[in-house]
Amino acid sequence: MKSPRAKNTSARAAALDMIEAVLARGRFLDESLDASAGLEPRDRAFAHALAATVLRRLGQIDAMIATRLARPLQRRAQVTQNV
């Protein structure tokens, strides 16, 4: 049996996979739910809520990060920015 911490990590990893699917591959969030297929319903719901909130607030998150950077992130650092 996985520890609660491992489950949270898996849910967060699934959320990151969903965000990547939307931003990098142009998929709809609901189409990217397969990233959370192996999770328990509660963790799957958490992953979906986390990804949806990040995508909803992405402009605000990016603006906040941009104010703290001395120079913009390179294009190849997209995955890092999504984390």
PDB file of N, CA and C in Angstrom:
ATOM      1  N   MET A   1       0.835  -1.185   0.000  1.00  0.00           N
ATOM      2  CA  MET A   1       0.000   0.000   0.000  1.00  0.00           C
ATOM      3  C   MET A   1       0.878   1.246   0.000  1.00  0.00           C
ATOM      4  N   LYS A   2       0.505   2.217  -0.824  1.00  0.00           N
ATOM      5  CA  LYS A   2       1.270   3.455  -0.889  1.00  0.00           C
ATOM      6  C   LYS A   2       0.979   4.332   0.315  1.00  0.00           C
ATOM      7  N   SER A   3       1.978   5.114   0.690  1.00  0.00           N
ATOM      8  CA  SER A   3       1.782   6.060   1.786  1.00  0.00           C
ATOM      9  C   SER A   3       0.959   7.246   1.282  1.00  0.00           C
ATOM     10  N   PRO A   4       0.314   8.001   2.181  1.00  0.00           N
ATOM     11  CA  PRO A   4      -0.436   9.189   1.741  1.00  0.00           C
ATOM     12  C   PRO A   4       0.434  10.175   0.985  1.00  0.00           C
ATOM     13  N   ARG A   5       1.696  10.297   1.376  1.00  0.00           N
ATOM     14  CA  ARG A   5       2.591  11.215   0.677  1.00  0.00           C
ATOM     15  C   ARG A   5       2.806  10.760  -0.767  1.00  0.00           C
ATOM     16  N   ALA A   6       2.983   9.467  -0.988  1.00  0.00           N
ATOM     17  CA  ALA A   6       3.161   8.948  -2.342  1.00  0.00           C
ATOM     18  C   ALA A   6       1.912   9.192  -3.176  1.00  0.00           C
ATOM     19  N   LYS A   7       0.730   9.039  -2.584  1.00  0.00           N
ATOM     20  CA  LYS A   7      -0.511   9.305  -3.307  1.00  0.00           C
ATOM     21  C   LYS A   7      -0.595  10.770  -3.706  1.00  0.00           C
ATOM     22  N   ASN A   8      -0.255  11.675  -2.774  1.00  0.00           N
ATOM     23  CA  ASN A   8      -0.281  13.097  -3.096  1.00  0.00           C
ATOM     24  C   ASN A   8       0.688  13.420  -4.210  1.00  0.00           C
ATOM     25  N   THR A   9       1.853  12.803  -4.164  1.00  0.00           N
ATOM     26  CA  THR A   9       2.837  13.020  -5.220  1.00  0.00           C
ATOM     27  C   THR A   9       2.289  12.523  -6.551  1.00  0.00           C
ATOM     28  N   SER A  10       1.642  11.369  -6.537  1.00  0.00           N
ATOM     29  CA  SER A  10       1.075  10.833  -7.769  1.00  0.00           C
ATOM     30  C   SER A  10      -0.028  11.739  -8.304  1.00  0.00           C
ATOM     31  N   ALA A  11      -0.857  12.265  -7.429  1.00  0.00           N
ATOM     32  CA  ALA A  11      -1.921  13.177  -7.854  1.00  0.00           C
ATOM     33  C   ALA A  11      -1.326  14.451  -8.435  1.00  0.00           C
ATOM     34  N   ARG A  12      -0.283  14.948  -7.799  1.00  0.00           N
ATOM     35  CA  ARG A  12       0.372  16.159  -8.314  1.00  0.00           C
ATOM     36  C   ARG A  12       1.076  15.878  -9.641  1.00  0.00           C
ATOM     37  N   ALA A  13       1.681  14.716  -9.767  1.00  0.00           N
ATOM     38  CA  ALA A  13       2.315  14.344 -11.030  1.00  0.00           C
ATOM     39  C   ALA A  13       1.267  14.208 -12.126  1.00  0.00           C
ATOM     40  N   ALA A  14       0.120  13.648 -11.796  1.00  0.00           N
ATOM     41  CA  ALA A  14      -0.964  13.532 -12.772  1.00  0.00           C
ATOM     42  C   ALA A  14      -1.458  14.918 -13.185  1.00  0.00           C
ATOM     43  N   ALA A  15      -1.554  15.838 -12.222  1.00  0.00           N
ATOM     44  CA  ALA A  15      -1.968  17.205 -12.528  1.00  0.00           C
ATOM     45  C   ALA A  15      -0.964  17.867 -13.474  1.00  0.00           C
ATOM     46  N   LEU A  16       0.321  17.662 -13.229  1.00  0.00           N
ATOM     47  CA  LEU A  16       1.342  18.218 -14.118  1.00  0.00           C
ATOM     48  C   LEU A  16       1.220  17.624 -15.517  1.00  0.00           C
ATOM     49  N   ASP A  17       0.974  16.325 -15.606  1.00  0.00           N
ATOM     50  CA  ASP A  17       0.774  15.691 -16.903  1.00  0.00           C
ATOM     51  C   ASP A  17      -0.425  16.300 -17.631  1.00  0.00           C
ATOM     52  N   MET A  18      -1.491  16.574 -16.894  1.00  0.00           N
ATOM     53  CA  MET A  18      -2.677  17.193 -17.496  1.00  0.00           C
ATOM     54  C   MET A  18      -2.362  18.599 -18.004  1.00  0.00           C
ATOM     55  N   ILE A  19      -1.642  19.365 -17.206  1.00  0.00           N
ATOM     56  CA  ILE A  19      -1.272  20.728 -17.600  1.00  0.00           C
ATOM     57  C   ILE A  19      -0.409  20.689 -18.854  1.00  0.00           C
ATOM     58  N   GLU A  20       0.548  19.774 -18.886  1.00  0.00           N
ATOM     59  CA  GLU A  20       1.407  19.617 -20.064  1.00  0.00           C
ATOM     60  C   GLU A  20       0.578  19.252 -21.296  1.00  0.00           C
ATOM     61  N   ALA A  21      -0.386  18.363 -21.129  1.00  0.00           N
ATOM     62  CA  ALA A  21      -1.228  17.949 -22.256  1.00  0.00           C
ATOM     63  C   ALA A  21      -1.993  19.138 -22.828  1.00  0.00           C
ATOM     64  N   VAL A  22      -2.468  20.000 -21.954  1.00  0.00           N
ATOM     65  CA  VAL A  22      -3.224  21.170 -22.401  1.00  0.00           C
ATOM     66  C   VAL A  22      -2.305  22.195 -23.057  1.00  0.00           C
ATOM     67  N   LEU A  23      -1.214  22.539 -22.380  1.00  0.00           N
ATOM     68  CA  LEU A  23      -0.359  23.623 -22.866  1.00  0.00           C
ATOM     69  C   LEU A  23       0.560  23.218 -24.013  1.00  0.00           C
ATOM     70  N   ALA A  24       1.141  22.048 -23.946  1.00  0.00           N
ATOM     71  CA  ALA A  24       2.131  21.652 -24.953  1.00  0.00           C
ATOM     72  C   ALA A  24       1.511  20.921 -26.140  1.00  0.00           C
ATOM     73  N   ARG A  25       0.433  20.174 -25.876  1.00  0.00           N
ATOM     74  CA  ARG A  25      -0.140  19.367 -26.959  1.00  0.00           C
ATOM     75  C   ARG A  25      -1.510  19.855 -27.418  1.00  0.00           C
ATOM     76  N   GLY A  26      -2.010  20.911 -26.794  1.00  0.00           N
ATOM     77  CA  GLY A  26      -3.262  21.509 -27.231  1.00  0.00           C
ATOM     78  C   GLY A  26      -4.512  20.686 -26.955  1.00  0.00           C
ATOM     79  N   ARG A  27      -4.436  19.773 -25.990  1.00  0.00           N
ATOM     80  CA  ARG A  27      -5.601  18.960 -25.649  1.00  0.00           C
ATOM     81  C   ARG A  27      -6.504  19.722 -24.679  1.00  0.00           C
ATOM     82  N   PHE A  28      -7.771  19.345 -24.646  1.00  0.00           N
ATOM     83  CA  PHE A  28      -8.669  19.877 -23.638  1.00  0.00           C
ATOM     84  C   PHE A  28      -8.377  19.185 -22.308  1.00  0.00           C
ATOM     85  N   LEU A  29      -8.654  19.868 -21.212  1.00  0.00           N
ATOM     86  CA  LEU A  29      -8.373  19.291 -19.897  1.00  0.00           C
ATOM     87  C   LEU A  29      -9.121  17.970 -19.708  1.00  0.00           C
ATOM     88  N   ASP A  30     -10.384  17.937 -20.092  1.00  0.00           N
ATOM     89  CA  ASP A  30     -11.158  16.706 -19.917  1.00  0.00           C
ATOM     90  C   ASP A  30     -10.608  15.548 -20.748  1.00  0.00           C
ATOM     91  N   GLU A  31      -9.947  15.851 -21.857  1.00  0.00           N
ATOM     92  CA  GLU A  31      -9.335  14.808 -22.685  1.00  0.00           C
ATOM     93  C   GLU A  31      -8.051  14.274 -22.051  1.00  0.00           C
ATOM     94  N   SER A  32      -7.490  15.008 -21.131  1.00  0.00           N
ATOM     95  CA  SER A  32      -6.221  14.619 -20.522  1.00  0.00           C
ATOM     96  C   SER A  32      -6.405  13.874 -19.197  1.00  0.00           C
ATOM     97  N   LEU A  33      -7.617  13.514 -18.876  1.00  0.00           N
ATOM     98  CA  LEU A  33      -7.888  12.819 -17.609  1.00  0.00           C
ATOM     99  C   LEU A  33      -7.244  11.444 -17.531  1.00  0.00           C
ATOM    100  N   ASP A  34      -6.842  10.884 -18.670  1.00  0.00           N
ATOM    101  CA  ASP A  34      -6.197   9.571 -18.641  1.00  0.00           C
ATOM    102  C   ASP A  34      -4.905   9.594 -17.835  1.00  0.00           C
ATOM    103  N   ALA A  35      -4.331  10.783 -17.619  1.00  0.00           N
ATOM    104  CA  ALA A  35      -3.112  10.897 -16.794  1.00  0.00           C
ATOM    105  C   ALA A  35      -3.384  10.491 -15.353  1.00  0.00           C
ATOM    106  N   SER A  36      -4.646  10.572 -14.943  1.00  0.00           N
ATOM    107  CA  SER A  36      -4.994  10.233 -13.563  1.00  0.00           C
ATOM    108  C   SER A  36      -5.749   8.918 -13.461  1.00  0.00           C
ATOM    109  N   ALA A  37      -5.709   8.112 -14.493  1.00  0.00           N
ATOM    110  CA  ALA A  37      -6.514   6.884 -14.556  1.00  0.00           C
ATOM    111  C   ALA A  37      -6.226   5.907 -13.418  1.00  0.00           C
ATOM    112  N   GLY A  38      -5.001   5.789 -12.964  1.00  0.00           N
ATOM    113  CA  GLY A  38      -4.665   4.817 -11.930  1.00  0.00           C
ATOM    114  C   GLY A  38      -4.888   5.290 -10.508  1.00  0.00           C
ATOM    115  N   LEU A  39      -5.385   6.500 -10.353  1.00  0.00           N
ATOM    116  CA  LEU A  39      -5.573   7.058  -9.016  1.00  0.00           C
ATOM    117  C   LEU A  39      -6.936   6.703  -8.439  1.00  0.00           C
ATOM    118  N   GLU A  40      -7.020   6.749  -7.134  1.00  0.00           N
ATOM    119  CA  GLU A  40      -8.301   6.582  -6.467  1.00  0.00           C
ATOM    120  C   GLU A  40      -9.172   7.793  -6.791  1.00  0.00           C
ATOM    121  N   PRO A  41     -10.491   7.669  -6.732  1.00  0.00           N
ATOM    122  CA  PRO A  41     -11.375   8.779  -7.102  1.00  0.00           C
ATOM    123  C   PRO A  41     -11.064  10.101  -6.393  1.00  0.00           C
ATOM    124  N   ARG A  42     -10.748  10.032  -5.111  1.00  0.00           N
ATOM    125  CA  ARG A  42     -10.441  11.261  -4.371  1.00  0.00           C
ATOM    126  C   ARG A  42      -9.177  11.931  -4.922  1.00  0.00           C
ATOM    127  N   ASP A  43      -8.136  11.147  -5.208  1.00  0.00           N
ATOM    128  CA  ASP A  43      -6.887  11.688  -5.744  1.00  0.00           C
ATOM    129  C   ASP A  43      -7.081  12.175  -7.179  1.00  0.00           C
ATOM    130  N   ARG A  44      -7.895  11.459  -7.933  1.00  0.00           N
ATOM    131  CA  ARG A  44      -8.192  11.866  -9.313  1.00  0.00           C
ATOM    132  C   ARG A  44      -8.906  13.219  -9.316  1.00  0.00           C
ATOM    133  N   ALA A  45      -9.855  13.396  -8.399  1.00  0.00           N
ATOM    134  CA  ALA A  45     -10.568  14.670  -8.292  1.00  0.00           C
ATOM    135  C   ALA A  45      -9.615  15.792  -7.884  1.00  0.00           C
ATOM    136  N   PHE A  46      -8.690  15.491  -6.964  1.00  0.00           N
ATOM    137  CA  PHE A  46      -7.707  16.493  -6.540  1.00  0.00           C
ATOM    138  C   PHE A  46      -6.815  16.893  -7.715  1.00  0.00           C
ATOM    139  N   ALA A  47      -6.338  15.914  -8.480  1.00  0.00           N
ATOM    140  CA  ALA A  47      -5.476  16.202  -9.631  1.00  0.00           C
ATOM    141  C   ALA A  47      -6.209  17.079 -10.641  1.00  0.00           C
ATOM    142  N   HIS A  48      -7.462  16.769 -10.914  1.00  0.00           N
ATOM    143  CA  HIS A  48      -8.250  17.557 -11.870  1.00  0.00           C
ATOM    144  C   HIS A  48      -8.452  18.977 -11.348  1.00  0.00           C
ATOM    145  N   ALA A  49      -8.806  19.105 -10.065  1.00  0.00           N
ATOM    146  CA  ALA A  49      -9.019  20.439  -9.482  1.00  0.00           C
ATOM    147  C   ALA A  49      -7.730  21.259  -9.494  1.00  0.00           C
ATOM    148  N   LEU A  50      -6.611  20.629  -9.188  1.00  0.00           N
ATOM    149  CA  LEU A  50      -5.326  21.323  -9.191  1.00  0.00           C
ATOM    150  C   LEU A  50      -4.975  21.810 -10.593  1.00  0.00           C
ATOM    151  N   ALA A  51      -5.107  20.932 -11.586  1.00  0.00           N
ATOM    152  CA  ALA A  51      -4.794  21.311 -12.969  1.00  0.00           C
ATOM    153  C   ALA A  51      -5.731  22.416 -13.452  1.00  0.00           C
ATOM    154  N   ALA A  52      -7.021  22.297 -13.152  1.00  0.00           N
ATOM    155  CA  ALA A  52      -7.993  23.303 -13.587  1.00  0.00           C
ATOM    156  C   ALA A  52      -7.695  24.664 -12.965  1.00  0.00           C
ATOM    157  N   THR A  53      -7.328  24.670 -11.696  1.00  0.00           N
ATOM    158  CA  THR A  53      -7.025  25.930 -11.017  1.00  0.00           C
ATOM    159  C   THR A  53      -5.766  26.574 -11.593  1.00  0.00           C
ATOM    160  N   VAL A  54      -4.749  25.766 -11.837  1.00  0.00           N
ATOM    161  CA  VAL A  54      -3.514  26.296 -12.430  1.00  0.00           C
ATOM    162  C   VAL A  54      -3.805  26.893 -13.798  1.00  0.00           C
ATOM    163  N   LEU A  55      -4.553  26.198 -14.613  1.00  0.00           N
ATOM    164  CA  LEU A  55      -4.862  26.699 -15.951  1.00  0.00           C
ATOM    165  C   LEU A  55      -5.726  27.958 -15.883  1.00  0.00           C
ATOM    166  N   ARG A  56      -6.650  28.008 -14.945  1.00  0.00           N
ATOM    167  CA  ARG A  56      -7.519  29.178 -14.786  1.00  0.00           C
ATOM    168  C   ARG A  56      -6.714  30.395 -14.354  1.00  0.00           C
ATOM    169  N   ARG A  57      -5.714  30.174 -13.505  1.00  0.00           N
ATOM    170  CA  ARG A  57      -4.916  31.274 -12.942  1.00  0.00           C
ATOM    171  C   ARG A  57      -3.558  31.440 -13.619  1.00  0.00           C
ATOM    172  N   LEU A  58      -3.359  30.804 -14.757  1.00  0.00           N
ATOM    173  CA  LEU A  58      -2.044  30.775 -15.395  1.00  0.00           C
ATOM    174  C   LEU A  58      -1.494  32.166 -15.693  1.00  0.00           C
ATOM    175  N   GLY A  59      -2.316  33.055 -16.162  1.00  0.00           N
ATOM    176  CA  GLY A  59      -1.861  34.419 -16.441  1.00  0.00           C
ATOM    177  C   GLY A  59      -1.338  35.109 -15.201  1.00  0.00           C
ATOM    178  N   GLN A  60      -2.048  34.969 -14.112  1.00  0.00           N
ATOM    179  CA  GLN A  60      -1.622  35.576 -12.847  1.00  0.00           C
ATOM    180  C   GLN A  60      -0.343  34.926 -12.330  1.00  0.00           C
ATOM    181  N   ILE A  61      -0.261  33.618 -12.435  1.00  0.00           N
ATOM    182  CA  ILE A  61       0.933  32.897 -11.972  1.00  0.00           C
ATOM    183  C   ILE A  61       2.146  33.317 -12.790  1.00  0.00           C
ATOM    184  N   ASP A  62       1.995  33.347 -14.114  1.00  0.00           N
ATOM    185  CA  ASP A  62       3.108  33.743 -14.977  1.00  0.00           C
ATOM    186  C   ASP A  62       3.540  35.184 -14.721  1.00  0.00           C
ATOM    187  N   ALA A  63       2.579  36.078 -14.499  1.00  0.00           N
ATOM    188  CA  ALA A  63       2.914  37.477 -14.223  1.00  0.00           C
ATOM    189  C   ALA A  63       3.686  37.608 -12.919  1.00  0.00           C
ATOM    190  N   MET A  64       3.287  36.842 -11.908  1.00  0.00           N
ATOM    191  CA  MET A  64       3.978  36.894 -10.622  1.00  0.00           C
ATOM    192  C   MET A  64       5.407  36.362 -10.755  1.00  0.00           C
ATOM    193  N   ILE A  65       5.564  35.268 -11.479  1.00  0.00           N
ATOM    194  CA  ILE A  65       6.901  34.703 -11.692  1.00  0.00           C
ATOM    195  C   ILE A  65       7.761  35.682 -12.478  1.00  0.00           C
ATOM    196  N   ALA A  66       7.201  36.301 -13.506  1.00  0.00           N
ATOM    197  CA  ALA A  66       7.959  37.227 -14.358  1.00  0.00           C
ATOM    198  C   ALA A  66       8.521  38.404 -13.567  1.00  0.00           C
ATOM    199  N   THR A  67       7.808  38.844 -12.545  1.00  0.00           N
ATOM    200  CA  THR A  67       8.308  39.974 -11.753  1.00  0.00           C
ATOM    201  C   THR A  67       9.528  39.597 -10.921  1.00  0.00           C
ATOM    202  N   ARG A  68       9.731  38.307 -10.714  1.00  0.00           N
ATOM    203  CA  ARG A  68      10.850  37.842  -9.885  1.00  0.00           C
ATOM    204  C   ARG A  68      12.069  37.404 -10.700  1.00  0.00           C
ATOM    205  N   LEU A  69      11.921  37.320 -12.018  1.00  0.00           N
ATOM    206  CA  LEU A  69      13.024  36.858 -12.865  1.00  0.00           C
ATOM    207  C   LEU A  69      13.834  38.037 -13.392  1.00  0.00           C
ATOM    208  N   ALA A  70      15.143  37.877 -13.417  1.00  0.00           N
ATOM    209  CA  ALA A  70      16.002  38.918 -13.973  1.00  0.00           C
ATOM    210  C   ALA A  70      15.878  38.956 -15.495  1.00  0.00           C
ATOM    211  N   ARG A  71      15.605  37.806 -16.089  1.00  0.00           N
ATOM    212  CA  ARG A  71      15.385  37.720 -17.534  1.00  0.00           C
ATOM    213  C   ARG A  71      14.359  36.617 -17.792  1.00  0.00           C
ATOM    214  N   PRO A  72      13.647  36.684 -18.883  1.00  0.00           N
ATOM    215  CA  PRO A  72      12.609  35.686 -19.160  1.00  0.00           C
ATOM    216  C   PRO A  72      13.191  34.274 -19.300  1.00  0.00           C
ATOM    217  N   LEU A  73      12.375  33.286 -18.975  1.00  0.00           N
ATOM    218  CA  LEU A  73      12.794  31.897 -19.168  1.00  0.00           C
ATOM    219  C   LEU A  73      12.934  31.590 -20.652  1.00  0.00           C
ATOM    220  N   GLN A  74      13.878  30.720 -20.963  1.00  0.00           N
ATOM    221  CA  GLN A  74      14.037  30.297 -22.352  1.00  0.00           C
ATOM    222  C   GLN A  74      12.871  29.408 -22.737  1.00  0.00           C
ATOM    223  N   ARG A  75      12.608  29.329 -24.013  1.00  0.00           N
ATOM    224  CA  ARG A  75      11.488  28.540 -24.520  1.00  0.00           C
ATOM    225  C   ARG A  75      11.592  27.071 -24.103  1.00  0.00           C
ATOM    226  N   ARG A  76      12.803  26.539 -24.068  1.00  0.00           N
ATOM    227  CA  ARG A  76      12.970  25.126 -23.712  1.00  0.00           C
ATOM    228  C   ARG A  76      12.734  24.859 -22.229  1.00  0.00           C
ATOM    229  N   ALA A  77      12.562  25.908 -21.449  1.00  0.00           N
ATOM    230  CA  ALA A  77      12.302  25.766 -20.014  1.00  0.00           C
ATOM    231  C   ALA A  77      10.805  25.732 -19.728  1.00  0.00           C
ATOM    232  N   GLN A  78       9.995  25.444 -20.727  1.00  0.00           N
ATOM    233  CA  GLN A  78       8.549  25.448 -20.565  1.00  0.00           C
ATOM    234  C   GLN A  78       8.069  24.483 -19.488  1.00  0.00           C
ATOM    235  N   VAL A  79       8.644  23.293 -19.446  1.00  0.00           N
ATOM    236  CA  VAL A  79       8.253  22.319 -18.426  1.00  0.00           C
ATOM    237  C   VAL A  79       8.552  22.855 -17.037  1.00  0.00           C
ATOM    238  N   THR A  80       9.696  23.494 -16.882  1.00  0.00           N
ATOM    239  CA  THR A  80      10.062  24.088 -15.598  1.00  0.00           C
ATOM    240  C   THR A  80       9.055  25.159 -15.207  1.00  0.00           C
ATOM    241  N   GLN A  81       8.651  25.956 -16.143  1.00  0.00           N
ATOM    242  CA  GLN A  81       7.681  27.006 -15.855  1.00  0.00           C
ATOM    243  C   GLN A  81       6.334  26.410 -15.444  1.00  0.00           C
ATOM    244  N   ASN A  82       5.958  25.306 -16.050  1.00  0.00           N
ATOM    245  CA  ASN A  82       4.681  24.684 -15.722  1.00  0.00           C
ATOM    246  C   ASN A  82       4.667  24.068 -14.339  1.00  0.00           C
ATOM    247  N   VAL A  83       5.835  23.681 -13.848  1.00  0.00           N
ATOM    248  CA  VAL A  83       5.911  23.077 -12.515  1.00  0.00           C
ATOM    249  C   VAL A  83       5.623  24.165 -11.515  1.00  0.00           C
TER     250      VAL A  83
END
